[in-house]
């Protein structure tokens, strides 16, 4: 058996082929092999997902974000249409794009730390 999460990677067939890895007798739908099959995500802290339109995992990231949101997880999607995988780490990122990413991350952190009204969040 191999890591072949057709339900998860079905939108990117070449990724499925690339990610095939022997997993012996372990069921490929085991959440330890393919975390996408995990059923309960509500325990996760807020998530900041940074990805681009040219990102090979973009459809998967969207589906994962949808699952998180359906279970009440706070998700901030930071998306750049022309971004490839890990685009924010590549040299030569246009200044306006970098500024926008920085602003979105700052707004996310501020919202988490201070709440929507700008006041510190009460964890009690």
Foldseek 3Di string as FASTA:
>chain_A
DWLQPCVQCVVQVVVSVVRTDDDPPDDNLPCVNPVVNDQDDLPDAAEEAEFELQESCVVNVVVSVVSNVVNPHHYHYHYYHPGYVVRVPDPPDDPVSVVVVVVSVVVVVQCQQANPVSHGDDPD
